[in-house]
N, C-alpha and C. Protein backbone atom coordinates (compact mmCIF):
# COMPACT_ATOMS: atom_id res chain seq x y z
N MET A 1 -104.76 23.53 74.77
CA MET A 1 -104.78 22.41 75.62
C MET A 1 -104.66 23.24 77.08
N ASN A 2 -103.70 24.07 77.31
CA ASN A 2 -104.04 24.58 78.34
C ASN A 2 -105.29 24.90 79.11
N ARG A 3 -106.14 25.49 77.93
CA ARG A 3 -107.63 25.89 78.38
C ARG A 3 -108.30 24.49 78.95
N LEU A 4 -108.18 23.49 77.90
CA LEU A 4 -108.68 22.08 78.34
C LEU A 4 -108.32 21.70 79.83
N ILE A 5 -107.11 21.81 80.36
CA ILE A 5 -106.79 21.40 81.44
C ILE A 5 -107.17 22.29 82.49
N LYS A 6 -106.95 23.66 82.19
CA LYS A 6 -107.63 24.39 83.30
C LYS A 6 -109.00 24.29 83.77
N THR A 7 -109.89 23.95 82.65
CA THR A 7 -111.02 23.76 82.31
C THR A 7 -111.49 22.42 83.13
N LEU A 8 -110.81 21.48 82.81
CA LEU A 8 -110.98 20.14 83.42
C LEU A 8 -110.89 20.24 85.10
N LEU A 9 -109.54 20.99 85.53
CA LEU A 9 -109.42 21.10 87.03
C LEU A 9 -110.56 21.89 87.60
N LEU A 10 -110.99 23.02 86.79
CA LEU A 10 -111.86 23.91 87.60
C LEU A 10 -113.29 22.99 87.71
N LEU A 11 -113.59 22.05 86.56
CA LEU A 11 -115.01 21.15 86.95
C LEU A 11 -114.67 20.33 87.90
N PHE A 12 -113.31 19.82 88.28
CA PHE A 12 -113.37 18.98 89.47
C PHE A 12 -113.33 19.70 90.52
N VAL A 13 -113.13 21.03 90.79
CA VAL A 13 -113.33 21.66 92.13
C VAL A 13 -115.01 21.67 92.39
N VAL A 14 -115.56 22.28 91.06
CA VAL A 14 -116.83 22.41 91.18
C VAL A 14 -117.51 20.98 91.69
N ALA A 15 -117.00 20.06 91.32
CA ALA A 15 -117.56 18.90 91.49
C ALA A 15 -118.04 18.52 92.79
N GLY A 16 -117.41 18.91 94.23
CA GLY A 16 -117.53 18.84 95.26
C GLY A 16 -118.96 19.50 95.64
N PHE A 17 -119.52 20.26 94.76
CA PHE A 17 -120.62 21.22 94.85
C PHE A 17 -121.68 20.36 94.31
N SER A 18 -121.54 20.23 93.00
CA SER A 18 -122.71 19.94 92.33
C SER A 18 -122.21 18.27 91.35
N MET A 19 -123.33 16.79 89.46
CA MET A 19 -122.77 15.24 89.03
C MET A 19 -123.35 15.11 87.43
N THR A 20 -123.28 9.99 84.44
CA THR A 20 -124.16 10.22 83.11
C THR A 20 -124.73 8.79 82.80
N ALA A 21 -125.84 9.06 82.75
CA ALA A 21 -126.10 7.26 82.32
C ALA A 21 -125.67 7.24 80.81
N CYS A 22 -125.36 6.34 80.91
CA CYS A 22 -124.59 5.70 79.42
C CYS A 22 -124.98 4.59 78.76
N LYS A 23 -125.25 4.38 77.49
CA LYS A 23 -125.43 3.00 76.95
C LYS A 23 -124.55 2.56 76.09
N LYS A 24 -124.41 1.36 75.72
CA LYS A 24 -122.85 0.92 75.05
C LYS A 24 -123.61 0.40 73.72
N ASP A 25 -122.92 1.13 72.68
CA ASP A 25 -123.07 0.50 71.11
C ASP A 25 -122.08 -0.79 71.16
N SER A 26 -122.44 -1.66 70.52
CA SER A 26 -121.43 -2.88 70.14
C SER A 26 -121.05 -2.71 68.50
N ASP A 27 -119.91 -2.58 68.48
CA ASP A 27 -119.25 -2.67 67.03
C ASP A 27 -117.75 -3.32 67.09
N SER A 28 -117.25 -3.45 66.00
CA SER A 28 -116.04 -4.11 65.94
C SER A 28 -114.98 -3.03 65.78
N LYS A 29 -115.11 -1.71 65.85
CA LYS A 29 -114.04 -1.36 65.96
C LYS A 29 -113.21 -1.29 67.11
N SER A 30 -111.76 -0.95 67.08
CA SER A 30 -111.04 -0.62 68.41
C SER A 30 -111.39 0.63 69.03
N ASN A 31 -111.04 0.66 70.20
CA ASN A 31 -111.11 1.64 71.08
C ASN A 31 -110.37 3.08 70.35
N GLU A 32 -109.41 2.96 69.90
CA GLU A 32 -108.35 3.91 69.02
C GLU A 32 -109.15 3.95 67.82
N GLU A 33 -109.56 3.25 67.14
CA GLU A 33 -110.53 3.63 65.80
C GLU A 33 -111.73 4.18 66.28
N LYS A 34 -112.28 4.07 67.49
CA LYS A 34 -113.48 4.96 67.66
C LYS A 34 -113.06 6.23 68.28
N LEU A 35 -111.99 6.63 68.88
CA LEU A 35 -111.32 7.79 69.21
C LEU A 35 -110.98 8.59 67.74
N THR A 36 -110.23 7.99 67.07
CA THR A 36 -109.74 8.78 65.84
C THR A 36 -110.60 8.83 64.56
N GLY A 37 -111.76 8.16 64.87
CA GLY A 37 -112.63 8.12 63.72
C GLY A 37 -113.48 9.43 63.51
N ALA A 38 -113.49 10.08 64.94
CA ALA A 38 -114.51 11.19 64.82
C ALA A 38 -113.53 12.65 64.67
N SER A 39 -114.18 13.68 63.85
CA SER A 39 -113.26 14.43 63.49
C SER A 39 -113.28 15.74 64.57
N CYS A 40 -114.12 15.73 65.55
CA CYS A 40 -114.09 16.63 66.56
C CYS A 40 -115.25 16.16 67.71
N TRP A 41 -114.55 16.06 68.77
CA TRP A 41 -115.22 15.79 70.09
C TRP A 41 -115.60 17.03 70.95
N LYS A 42 -116.72 17.17 71.44
CA LYS A 42 -117.05 18.25 72.07
C LYS A 42 -117.84 17.96 73.67
N GLN A 43 -117.40 18.58 74.42
CA GLN A 43 -118.21 18.35 75.79
C GLN A 43 -119.66 18.79 75.51
N SER A 44 -120.44 17.52 75.87
CA SER A 44 -122.02 17.68 75.99
C SER A 44 -122.36 17.45 77.45
N LYS A 45 -121.61 16.96 78.13
CA LYS A 45 -122.36 16.78 79.52
C LYS A 45 -121.23 16.70 80.69
N VAL A 46 -121.43 17.34 81.73
CA VAL A 46 -120.66 17.37 83.02
C VAL A 46 -121.35 16.88 83.99
N GLU A 47 -120.77 16.01 84.78
CA GLU A 47 -121.52 15.87 85.92
C GLU A 47 -120.51 15.69 87.14
N ALA A 48 -120.79 15.73 88.39
CA ALA A 48 -120.16 15.51 89.49
C ALA A 48 -120.62 14.69 90.54
N GLN A 49 -119.93 14.00 91.05
CA GLN A 49 -120.51 13.03 92.14
C GLN A 49 -120.63 13.70 93.61
N ASP A 50 -121.68 13.63 93.94
CA ASP A 50 -121.97 14.22 95.35
C ASP A 50 -121.41 13.22 96.55
N PRO A 51 -119.96 14.03 97.24
CA PRO A 51 -119.15 13.09 98.06
C PRO A 51 -120.00 12.60 99.28
N PHE A 52 -121.11 13.22 99.50
CA PHE A 52 -122.15 12.69 100.65
C PHE A 52 -123.04 11.51 100.19
N THR A 53 -123.63 11.70 99.22
CA THR A 53 -124.62 10.65 98.74
C THR A 53 -124.04 9.53 97.75
N GLY A 54 -123.02 10.09 96.71
CA GLY A 54 -122.53 9.29 95.73
C GLY A 54 -123.12 9.27 94.49
N SER A 55 -124.24 9.98 94.30
CA SER A 55 -125.12 10.25 93.20
C SER A 55 -124.40 11.18 92.24
N TRP A 56 -124.63 11.22 91.05
CA TRP A 56 -124.26 12.17 89.95
C TRP A 56 -125.11 13.00 89.69
N VAL A 57 -124.65 14.55 89.77
CA VAL A 57 -125.78 15.82 89.58
C VAL A 57 -125.03 16.62 88.32
N GLU A 58 -125.86 16.91 87.56
CA GLU A 58 -125.34 17.74 86.07
C GLU A 58 -124.94 18.90 86.57
N ASP A 59 -123.92 19.14 85.94
CA ASP A 59 -123.31 20.84 85.97
C ASP A 59 -123.63 21.47 84.92
N THR A 60 -123.54 22.74 84.65
CA THR A 60 -123.66 23.50 83.56
C THR A 60 -122.34 23.72 82.71
N ILE A 61 -122.37 23.85 81.47
CA ILE A 61 -121.14 23.90 80.71
C ILE A 61 -121.30 25.31 80.03
N ASP A 62 -120.12 25.81 80.38
CA ASP A 62 -120.06 27.15 79.67
C ASP A 62 -120.02 27.39 78.37
N ASP A 63 -120.89 28.31 77.64
CA ASP A 63 -121.04 28.45 76.14
C ASP A 63 -119.24 28.59 75.48
N CYS A 64 -118.59 29.09 76.00
CA CYS A 64 -117.07 29.20 75.58
C CYS A 64 -116.48 27.93 75.67
N ASP A 65 -117.22 26.58 76.39
CA ASP A 65 -116.66 25.54 76.32
C ASP A 65 -117.24 24.40 75.55
N LYS A 66 -118.67 24.94 75.35
CA LYS A 66 -119.27 23.96 74.71
C LYS A 66 -118.81 23.73 72.94
N ASP A 67 -118.12 24.85 72.51
CA ASP A 67 -117.64 24.78 71.16
C ASP A 67 -116.33 24.35 71.07
N ASP A 68 -115.63 23.91 71.97
CA ASP A 68 -114.14 23.69 72.02
C ASP A 68 -113.94 22.20 71.61
N CYS A 69 -113.23 21.66 70.40
CA CYS A 69 -113.23 20.68 69.71
C CYS A 69 -111.76 20.30 70.10
N ILE A 70 -111.74 18.61 70.53
CA ILE A 70 -110.69 17.96 70.58
C ILE A 70 -110.64 16.75 69.29
N THR A 71 -109.53 16.72 68.76
CA THR A 71 -109.44 15.60 67.78
C THR A 71 -108.19 14.64 67.93
N PHE A 72 -108.39 13.67 68.13
CA PHE A 72 -107.34 12.62 68.47
C PHE A 72 -106.78 11.81 67.01
N ASN A 73 -105.57 12.11 66.69
CA ASN A 73 -104.96 11.80 65.74
C ASN A 73 -104.51 10.10 65.88
N GLU A 74 -104.44 9.66 64.64
CA GLU A 74 -103.80 8.27 64.43
C GLU A 74 -102.42 8.33 64.95
N ASP A 75 -101.77 9.37 64.86
CA ASP A 75 -100.34 9.31 65.13
C ASP A 75 -100.01 9.62 66.60
N LYS A 76 -101.27 9.72 67.52
CA LYS A 76 -101.26 9.90 68.78
C LYS A 76 -101.04 11.21 69.10
N THR A 77 -101.14 12.27 68.01
CA THR A 77 -101.08 13.50 68.70
C THR A 77 -102.42 14.16 68.83
N LEU A 78 -102.82 15.15 69.45
CA LEU A 78 -104.10 15.52 69.96
C LEU A 78 -103.97 16.92 69.47
N ASP A 79 -105.34 17.51 68.75
CA ASP A 79 -105.63 18.64 68.44
C ASP A 79 -106.55 19.36 69.15
N PHE A 80 -106.44 20.56 69.87
CA PHE A 80 -107.52 21.09 70.60
C PHE A 80 -107.68 22.39 69.80
N ASP A 81 -109.05 22.75 69.65
CA ASP A 81 -109.50 24.10 69.07
C ASP A 81 -110.49 24.81 70.04
N GLU A 82 -110.09 26.21 70.34
CA GLU A 82 -111.01 26.65 71.55
C GLU A 82 -112.47 26.95 70.82
N GLY A 83 -112.61 26.88 69.59
CA GLY A 83 -114.14 27.15 68.86
C GLY A 83 -114.26 28.65 68.63
N ALA A 84 -115.23 28.99 68.32
CA ALA A 84 -115.64 30.49 67.89
C ALA A 84 -115.80 31.54 69.15
N VAL A 85 -116.22 30.82 70.27
CA VAL A 85 -116.07 31.34 71.60
C VAL A 85 -115.04 31.24 72.63
N LYS A 86 -114.06 31.97 72.72
CA LYS A 86 -113.46 31.55 73.92
C LYS A 86 -113.52 32.21 75.03
N CYS A 87 -113.25 31.27 76.05
CA CYS A 87 -113.41 31.81 77.59
C CYS A 87 -112.54 33.11 77.78
N ASP A 88 -111.40 32.89 77.58
CA ASP A 88 -110.24 34.07 77.47
C ASP A 88 -109.58 34.25 76.30
N PRO A 89 -109.85 35.44 75.83
CA PRO A 89 -109.31 36.02 74.68
C PRO A 89 -107.84 35.73 74.14
N SER A 90 -107.05 35.79 75.43
CA SER A 90 -105.72 35.62 75.26
C SER A 90 -105.24 34.29 74.88
N ASP A 91 -106.05 33.32 75.21
CA ASP A 91 -105.95 31.84 74.76
C ASP A 91 -105.33 31.53 73.65
N PRO A 92 -104.51 30.81 73.14
CA PRO A 92 -104.18 30.69 71.80
C PRO A 92 -105.60 29.77 71.06
N GLN A 93 -105.79 29.99 69.87
CA GLN A 93 -107.03 29.29 69.12
C GLN A 93 -106.86 27.65 69.14
N THR A 94 -105.39 27.32 68.94
CA THR A 94 -105.25 26.07 68.75
C THR A 94 -104.09 25.53 69.79
N ALA A 95 -104.01 24.41 70.01
CA ALA A 95 -103.05 23.92 70.65
C ALA A 95 -102.86 22.21 70.13
N THR A 96 -101.44 21.75 70.51
CA THR A 96 -101.19 20.56 70.17
C THR A 96 -100.69 19.56 71.13
N GLY A 97 -101.07 18.41 71.61
CA GLY A 97 -100.38 17.58 72.52
C GLY A 97 -100.40 16.09 72.12
N THR A 98 -100.37 15.01 73.16
CA THR A 98 -100.32 13.76 72.52
C THR A 98 -101.35 13.12 73.52
N TRP A 99 -101.59 11.88 73.10
CA TRP A 99 -102.64 11.12 73.76
C TRP A 99 -102.22 9.70 73.87
N SER A 100 -102.44 8.83 74.84
CA SER A 100 -102.40 7.78 74.69
C SER A 100 -103.80 6.86 75.57
N LEU A 101 -103.71 5.67 75.09
CA LEU A 101 -104.78 4.70 75.63
C LEU A 101 -104.45 3.61 76.03
N SER A 102 -104.81 3.02 77.42
CA SER A 102 -103.93 1.89 77.89
C SER A 102 -104.68 0.56 76.93
N ALA A 103 -103.88 -0.34 77.17
CA ALA A 103 -104.10 -1.61 76.08
C ALA A 103 -105.56 -1.95 76.46
N ASP A 104 -105.88 -2.00 77.43
CA ASP A 104 -107.39 -2.73 77.61
C ASP A 104 -108.59 -1.73 77.43
N GLY A 105 -107.83 -0.19 76.82
CA GLY A 105 -109.22 0.68 76.57
C GLY A 105 -109.70 1.59 77.66
N THR A 106 -109.29 1.39 78.71
CA THR A 106 -109.77 1.79 79.91
C THR A 106 -109.17 3.13 80.55
N THR A 107 -108.17 3.37 80.36
CA THR A 107 -107.45 4.70 80.62
C THR A 107 -106.96 5.47 79.48
N LEU A 108 -107.50 6.73 79.54
CA LEU A 108 -106.94 7.84 78.63
C LEU A 108 -106.33 9.05 78.96
N THR A 109 -105.25 9.13 78.62
CA THR A 109 -104.20 10.34 79.22
C THR A 109 -104.03 11.21 77.93
N LEU A 110 -104.14 12.43 78.24
CA LEU A 110 -103.96 13.52 77.70
C LEU A 110 -102.51 14.19 78.08
N ASN A 111 -101.29 14.46 77.04
CA ASN A 111 -100.20 15.26 77.51
C ASN A 111 -100.45 16.54 76.64
N ASP A 112 -100.04 17.52 77.36
CA ASP A 112 -99.71 19.26 76.76
C ASP A 112 -98.30 19.40 77.41
N PRO A 113 -97.39 19.70 76.50
CA PRO A 113 -96.04 20.24 77.08
C PRO A 113 -96.22 21.40 77.86
N ASN A 114 -97.20 22.33 77.54
CA ASN A 114 -97.69 23.45 78.60
C ASN A 114 -97.91 23.27 79.77
N SER A 115 -99.30 22.11 79.88
CA SER A 115 -99.75 22.17 81.15
C SER A 115 -99.60 20.66 81.83
N GLY A 116 -99.02 19.92 81.29
CA GLY A 116 -98.76 18.62 82.07
C GLY A 116 -99.74 17.65 81.37
N SER A 117 -100.00 16.56 82.10
CA SER A 117 -100.61 15.51 81.74
C SER A 117 -102.02 15.26 82.79
N PHE A 118 -103.18 14.88 81.99
CA PHE A 118 -104.25 14.59 82.57
C PHE A 118 -104.89 13.39 82.22
N THR A 119 -105.48 12.22 83.14
CA THR A 119 -105.89 10.98 82.90
C THR A 119 -107.34 10.86 83.26
N GLY A 120 -107.92 10.13 82.85
CA GLY A 120 -109.40 9.73 82.90
C GLY A 120 -109.43 8.28 82.72
N THR A 121 -110.73 7.73 83.43
CA THR A 121 -111.31 6.44 83.22
C THR A 121 -112.38 6.38 82.06
N VAL A 122 -112.16 5.82 80.99
CA VAL A 122 -112.91 5.96 80.17
C VAL A 122 -114.26 4.69 80.37
N THR A 123 -115.36 5.29 80.87
CA THR A 123 -116.55 4.33 81.24
C THR A 123 -117.51 4.03 80.08
N GLU A 124 -117.28 4.62 78.71
CA GLU A 124 -117.89 4.43 77.56
C GLU A 124 -117.35 5.14 76.59
N LEU A 125 -117.19 4.24 75.48
CA LEU A 125 -116.46 4.82 74.01
C LEU A 125 -117.47 4.44 73.00
N THR A 126 -118.20 4.95 72.41
CA THR A 126 -118.64 4.63 71.03
C THR A 126 -118.17 5.45 69.73
N ASP A 127 -118.62 5.06 68.70
CA ASP A 127 -118.36 6.12 67.47
C ASP A 127 -118.69 7.41 67.89
N SER A 128 -119.85 7.81 68.49
CA SER A 128 -120.34 9.05 69.02
C SER A 128 -120.29 9.61 70.20
N LYS A 129 -119.67 8.91 71.05
CA LYS A 129 -119.84 9.16 72.68
C LYS A 129 -118.53 8.67 73.19
N LEU A 130 -117.84 9.75 73.98
CA LEU A 130 -116.67 9.39 75.12
C LEU A 130 -117.32 9.91 76.23
N VAL A 131 -117.13 8.92 77.26
CA VAL A 131 -117.39 9.31 78.68
C VAL A 131 -116.28 9.00 79.41
N LEU A 132 -115.70 10.02 80.18
CA LEU A 132 -114.50 9.94 81.05
C LEU A 132 -114.83 10.26 82.61
N GLU A 133 -114.53 9.59 83.44
CA GLU A 133 -114.56 9.73 84.86
C GLU A 133 -113.22 9.96 85.21
N ILE A 134 -113.08 11.22 86.20
CA ILE A 134 -111.95 11.67 86.47
C ILE A 134 -111.89 12.19 88.27
N ASP A 135 -110.86 11.72 88.80
CA ASP A 135 -110.79 12.09 90.14
C ASP A 135 -109.65 13.09 90.41
N VAL A 136 -110.09 14.37 90.73
CA VAL A 136 -109.12 15.33 91.25
C VAL A 136 -108.98 15.64 92.71
N LEU A 137 -108.05 15.58 93.53
CA LEU A 137 -108.28 15.66 94.84
C LEU A 137 -109.50 14.99 95.64
N GLY A 138 -110.08 14.03 94.96
CA GLY A 138 -110.80 13.21 95.84
C GLY A 138 -112.38 13.41 95.17
N PHE A 139 -112.35 14.36 94.45
CA PHE A 139 -113.67 14.87 93.79
C PHE A 139 -113.81 14.03 92.42
N LYS A 140 -114.90 13.28 92.34
CA LYS A 140 -115.11 12.62 90.71
C LYS A 140 -115.91 13.45 90.10
N SER A 141 -115.43 13.47 88.59
CA SER A 141 -116.55 13.93 87.81
C SER A 141 -116.75 13.03 86.49
N ARG A 142 -117.73 13.38 85.64
CA ARG A 142 -117.81 12.67 84.48
C ARG A 142 -118.13 13.59 83.58
N ILE A 143 -117.12 13.38 82.62
CA ILE A 143 -117.50 14.32 81.50
C ILE A 143 -117.79 13.41 80.14
N THR A 144 -118.93 13.88 79.44
CA THR A 144 -119.30 13.37 78.34
C THR A 144 -118.94 13.97 76.80
N PHE A 145 -118.36 13.64 75.89
CA PHE A 145 -118.09 14.32 74.91
C PHE A 145 -118.69 13.50 73.80
N THR A 146 -119.18 14.30 73.13
CA THR A 146 -119.81 13.69 71.70
C THR A 146 -119.72 14.28 70.13
N ASN A 147 -119.85 13.95 69.20
CA ASN A 147 -119.39 14.39 67.94
C ASN A 147 -120.33 14.19 66.99
């Protein structure tokens, strides 16, 4: 989870320099069921909002981040796995934290006892796609996770 938080913070710093179009699937599952129904969420797209034009620009995802896996469990715990390729060999392979979703399903918070918490706005959530918009120090990013 430390790696996830560090990666997200780095992405937001990069956001000022570099920036998803989404579609919605309709189904009857709750947002929590959509999150917990997937065995593994992986980053598939990262975008940063250009602070001057407001447009979104796609950024690259390092190979060591592409295989990272996040699992949302029904008991509100969160499992993070570094995957086969680690960015920092000294990072633990796995970490556990907690997660919460606001009642209206628009705010997702991830908590890690070692790294603190991270909150994003859910702009899209289907069985196979999660899009979070994050604002860090005035820089906006969108991260798309797929499973």
